């Protein structure tokens, strides 16, 4: 059984489409794209996400040593498809201990990246993109600039644009954000992948977490 969809911006309960509305409604944020975490990471979960994704599904082309995919989540309904997709990864931090990373691609206004970063959202906000970028990744073969955003939690938050969508890279703890200073190459799994090269772990609770807003 899949969990009931929640608001991508705040994690709150939603009112399902019915007699008075054709869309999912959040009491705080109005009409939203319903957010659902897939319970078990694996090839079937990936295929489900790919079948609905209207945005890129980002994952490292070659994951850092010891890292595994720890879940997928998406925001969107059956009619419009997924307007945001989150890929969770877990593994060892370069500085010791464990670390987690969320790669989120979303259309403007969905608010999923800001929610997981603990920001008021729904988008990066004023001042984004001013000055030189703080990190760069290769996204589907294109150099992509990322800017860091301050958060109230122990998280390194980076955001940029790739394939005309927001690309968020969120890393916990913040010190593990050094991963983004390496030559990280991201692939859009919609473009194809080799299943044998993907390693899956247990689903991360962080996909369903509701961080405090800074």
Protein backbone atom coordinates (compact mmCIF):
# COMPACT_ATOMS: atom_id res chain seq x y z
CA UNK A 1 0.00 0.00 0.00
CA UNK A 2 1.37 3.41 -0.95
CA UNK A 3 1.25 6.22 1.59
CA UNK A 4 -1.29 8.96 1.08
CA UNK A 5 0.09 11.89 -0.94
CA UNK A 6 1.21 14.94 1.01
CA UNK A 7 1.91 18.57 0.17
CA UNK A 8 5.30 18.94 -1.54
CA UNK A 9 5.83 22.28 0.18
CA UNK A 10 5.03 21.47 3.79
CA UNK A 11 4.34 17.73 4.09
CA UNK A 12 0.79 18.41 5.24
CA UNK A 13 -2.29 16.34 4.47
CA UNK A 14 -4.12 16.94 1.21
CA UNK A 15 -7.75 16.98 0.22
CA UNK A 16 -8.20 14.71 -2.80
CA UNK A 17 -9.98 15.87 -5.98
CA UNK A 18 -13.72 15.58 -5.63
CA UNK A 19 -17.01 17.30 -6.22
CA UNK A 20 -15.75 20.79 -5.41
CA UNK A 21 -12.26 20.65 -6.88
CA UNK A 22 -10.50 18.78 -9.68
CA UNK A 23 -7.08 19.15 -8.05
CA UNK A 24 -5.29 18.20 -4.84
CA UNK A 25 -5.60 20.88 -2.16
CA UNK A 26 -3.37 21.79 0.80
CA UNK A 27 -4.95 23.85 3.57
CA UNK A 28 -1.88 26.10 3.69
CA UNK A 29 -0.74 26.21 0.04
CA UNK A 30 -3.87 25.66 -2.06
CA UNK A 31 -3.56 23.65 -5.27
CA UNK A 32 -0.39 21.55 -5.25
CA UNK A 33 1.18 18.57 -7.01
CA UNK A 34 0.63 15.60 -4.64
CA UNK A 35 3.90 14.23 -3.27
CA UNK A 36 4.44 10.49 -2.83
CA UNK A 37 7.45 8.49 -1.61
CA UNK A 38 7.85 5.05 -3.18
CA UNK A 39 8.19 2.55 -0.36
CA UNK A 40 10.84 0.22 -1.83
CA UNK A 41 13.79 1.43 -3.92
CA UNK A 42 14.68 -0.79 -6.84
CA UNK A 43 14.17 -1.29 -10.59
CA UNK A 44 10.37 -1.40 -10.27
CA UNK A 45 10.32 1.88 -8.36
CA UNK A 46 12.55 3.47 -10.97
CA UNK A 47 10.33 2.27 -13.81
CA UNK A 48 7.28 3.71 -12.03
CA UNK A 49 8.97 7.08 -11.70
CA UNK A 50 10.20 7.08 -15.30
CA UNK A 51 6.73 6.25 -16.59
CA UNK A 52 5.31 9.40 -15.00
CA UNK A 53 8.23 11.86 -15.04
CA UNK A 54 7.72 15.10 -16.94
CA UNK A 55 11.09 16.33 -15.65
CA UNK A 56 14.60 14.81 -15.61
CA UNK A 57 15.30 11.98 -13.17
CA UNK A 58 18.84 12.76 -12.03
CA UNK A 59 21.32 10.24 -10.65
CA UNK A 60 25.15 10.14 -10.62
CA UNK A 61 26.52 8.63 -13.81
CA UNK A 62 29.09 6.85 -11.66
CA UNK A 63 28.10 7.01 -7.99
CA UNK A 64 30.85 7.79 -5.44
CA UNK A 65 32.37 4.65 -3.94
CA UNK A 66 30.02 3.00 -1.46
CA UNK A 67 26.99 5.07 -2.43
CA UNK A 68 23.59 3.53 -3.23
CA UNK A 69 20.21 4.81 -4.37
CA UNK A 70 18.00 4.94 -1.29
CA UNK A 71 14.69 5.88 -2.79
CA UNK A 72 12.58 7.86 -5.22
CA UNK A 73 9.71 10.26 -4.72
CA UNK A 74 7.66 12.39 -7.05
CA UNK A 75 5.12 15.20 -7.03
CA UNK A 76 2.32 15.09 -9.55
CA UNK A 77 -1.00 13.45 -10.33
CA UNK A 78 -2.01 10.79 -12.82
CA UNK A 79 -3.35 13.39 -15.24
CA UNK A 80 -0.32 15.69 -15.52
CA UNK A 81 2.46 13.29 -14.53
CA UNK A 82 5.31 14.02 -12.15
CA UNK A 83 6.29 17.69 -12.11
CA UNK A 84 9.07 17.01 -9.59
CA UNK A 85 11.24 13.97 -8.90
CA UNK A 86 13.60 13.32 -5.99
CA UNK A 87 16.37 10.72 -6.05
CA UNK A 88 17.85 9.87 -2.65
CA UNK A 89 21.37 8.50 -2.21
CA UNK A 90 23.27 7.40 0.88
CA UNK A 91 26.91 6.55 1.42
CA UNK A 92 30.11 7.47 3.25
CA UNK A 93 31.10 11.09 3.66
CA UNK A 94 34.56 12.00 2.36
CA UNK A 95 35.21 13.44 5.83
CA UNK A 96 34.08 10.33 7.71
CA UNK A 97 30.73 8.99 8.86
CA UNK A 98 27.59 8.59 6.81
CA UNK A 99 25.99 11.08 4.45
CA UNK A 100 22.85 11.52 2.39
CA UNK A 101 22.14 13.37 -0.82
CA UNK A 102 18.90 14.37 -2.49
CA UNK A 103 18.88 15.26 -6.18
CA UNK A 104 15.63 17.05 -6.96
CA UNK A 105 14.42 18.23 -10.33
CA UNK A 106 11.25 20.29 -10.41
CA UNK A 107 9.23 22.78 -12.34
CA UNK A 108 9.13 26.30 -10.87
CA UNK A 109 6.56 26.70 -8.12
CA UNK A 110 6.36 23.09 -6.96
CA UNK A 111 8.38 23.81 -3.81
CA UNK A 112 9.86 20.35 -3.19
CA UNK A 113 13.52 21.42 -3.16
CA UNK A 114 12.87 24.33 -0.82
CA UNK A 115 10.83 22.06 1.49
CA UNK A 116 13.67 19.54 1.89
CA UNK A 117 16.22 22.32 2.35
CA UNK A 118 14.08 23.86 5.10
CA UNK A 119 13.50 27.06 3.13
CA UNK A 120 10.20 28.97 2.86
CA UNK A 121 10.11 28.44 -0.93
CA UNK A 122 8.71 27.50 -3.23
CA UNK A 123 11.72 28.55 -5.33
CA UNK A 124 15.29 29.62 -4.44
CA UNK A 125 14.25 33.19 -3.63
CA UNK A 126 15.75 36.65 -3.99
CA UNK A 127 19.47 36.87 -4.64
CA UNK A 128 19.74 33.47 -6.27
CA UNK A 129 22.36 33.29 -9.00
CA UNK A 130 24.14 36.52 -8.05
CA UNK A 131 27.90 36.29 -8.21
CA UNK A 132 30.03 33.38 -9.34
CA UNK A 133 28.68 29.85 -8.80
CA UNK A 134 29.80 27.88 -5.76
CA UNK A 135 29.95 24.49 -7.50
CA UNK A 136 29.54 22.92 -10.91
CA UNK A 137 28.27 19.55 -12.05
CA UNK A 138 27.95 17.89 -15.43
CA UNK A 139 24.23 17.35 -16.08
CA UNK A 140 23.54 15.14 -19.09
CA UNK A 141 26.76 16.30 -20.70
CA UNK A 142 26.27 20.01 -20.01
CA UNK A 143 28.35 22.01 -17.48
CA UNK A 144 25.84 23.26 -14.92
CA UNK A 145 26.47 25.99 -12.36
CA UNK A 146 25.14 25.63 -8.82
CA UNK A 147 24.80 28.28 -6.15
CA UNK A 148 24.71 27.55 -2.44
CA UNK A 149 21.83 28.70 -0.26
CA UNK A 150 21.96 29.19 3.53
CA UNK A 151 19.74 26.82 5.50
CA UNK A 152 18.73 26.51 9.15
CA UNK A 153 19.68 22.83 9.28
CA UNK A 154 22.91 20.85 8.93
CA UNK A 155 22.56 20.70 5.16
CA UNK A 156 24.61 21.90 2.21
CA UNK A 157 22.05 23.19 -0.30
CA UNK A 158 22.94 23.92 -3.91
CA UNK A 159 20.60 24.88 -6.74
CA UNK A 160 20.89 25.68 -10.42
CA UNK A 161 19.07 25.10 -13.69
CA UNK A 162 19.39 22.11 -16.01
CA UNK A 163 17.12 21.20 -18.93
CA UNK A 164 15.02 24.29 -18.12
CA UNK A 165 14.13 22.98 -14.65
CA UNK A 166 15.40 23.61 -11.13
CA UNK A 167 18.14 21.22 -10.08
CA UNK A 168 18.64 20.95 -6.32
CA UNK A 169 21.53 19.04 -4.75
CA UNK A 170 21.08 18.74 -0.98
CA UNK A 171 23.66 17.00 1.19
CA UNK A 172 23.57 16.03 4.89
CA UNK A 173 25.61 16.73 6.95
CA UNK A 174 26.71 20.07 5.54
CA UNK A 175 30.38 19.09 5.74
CA UNK A 176 29.71 16.32 3.20
CA UNK A 177 28.84 19.04 0.69
CA UNK A 178 32.45 18.75 -0.48
CA UNK A 179 31.06 16.02 -2.74
CA UNK A 180 29.72 18.79 -4.96
CA UNK A 181 33.20 20.23 -5.43
CA UNK A 182 34.35 17.06 -7.15
CA UNK A 183 33.63 16.33 -10.80
CA UNK A 184 30.13 14.96 -10.22
CA UNK A 185 28.46 13.77 -13.42
CA UNK A 186 24.70 13.42 -13.46
CA UNK A 187 22.66 11.41 -15.93
CA UNK A 188 18.98 11.84 -16.73
CA UNK A 189 17.74 8.26 -16.32
CA UNK A 190 15.00 8.97 -18.86
CA UNK A 191 17.77 8.88 -21.47
CA UNK A 192 18.58 5.25 -20.63
CA UNK A 193 20.68 3.40 -18.07
CA UNK A 194 22.33 0.06 -17.39
CA UNK A 195 20.38 -1.63 -14.61
CA UNK A 196 23.40 -3.66 -13.47
CA UNK A 197 25.25 -0.42 -12.70
CA UNK A 198 22.59 0.78 -10.26
CA UNK A 199 22.88 -0.25 -6.60
CA UNK A 200 19.89 0.13 -4.29
CA UNK A 201 19.64 0.35 -0.50
CA UNK A 202 16.84 0.83 2.03
CA UNK A 203 14.48 3.74 1.58
CA UNK A 204 15.65 6.92 3.29
CA UNK A 205 13.31 8.46 5.90
CA UNK A 206 14.55 11.84 4.72
CA UNK A 207 12.34 11.63 1.62
CA UNK A 208 9.27 11.96 3.84
CA UNK A 209 10.83 14.31 6.41
CA UNK A 210 9.54 17.80 7.04
CA UNK A 211 12.56 19.97 7.96
CA UNK A 212 12.04 23.11 10.05
CA UNK A 213 11.75 26.19 7.87
CA UNK A 214 14.56 28.68 8.40
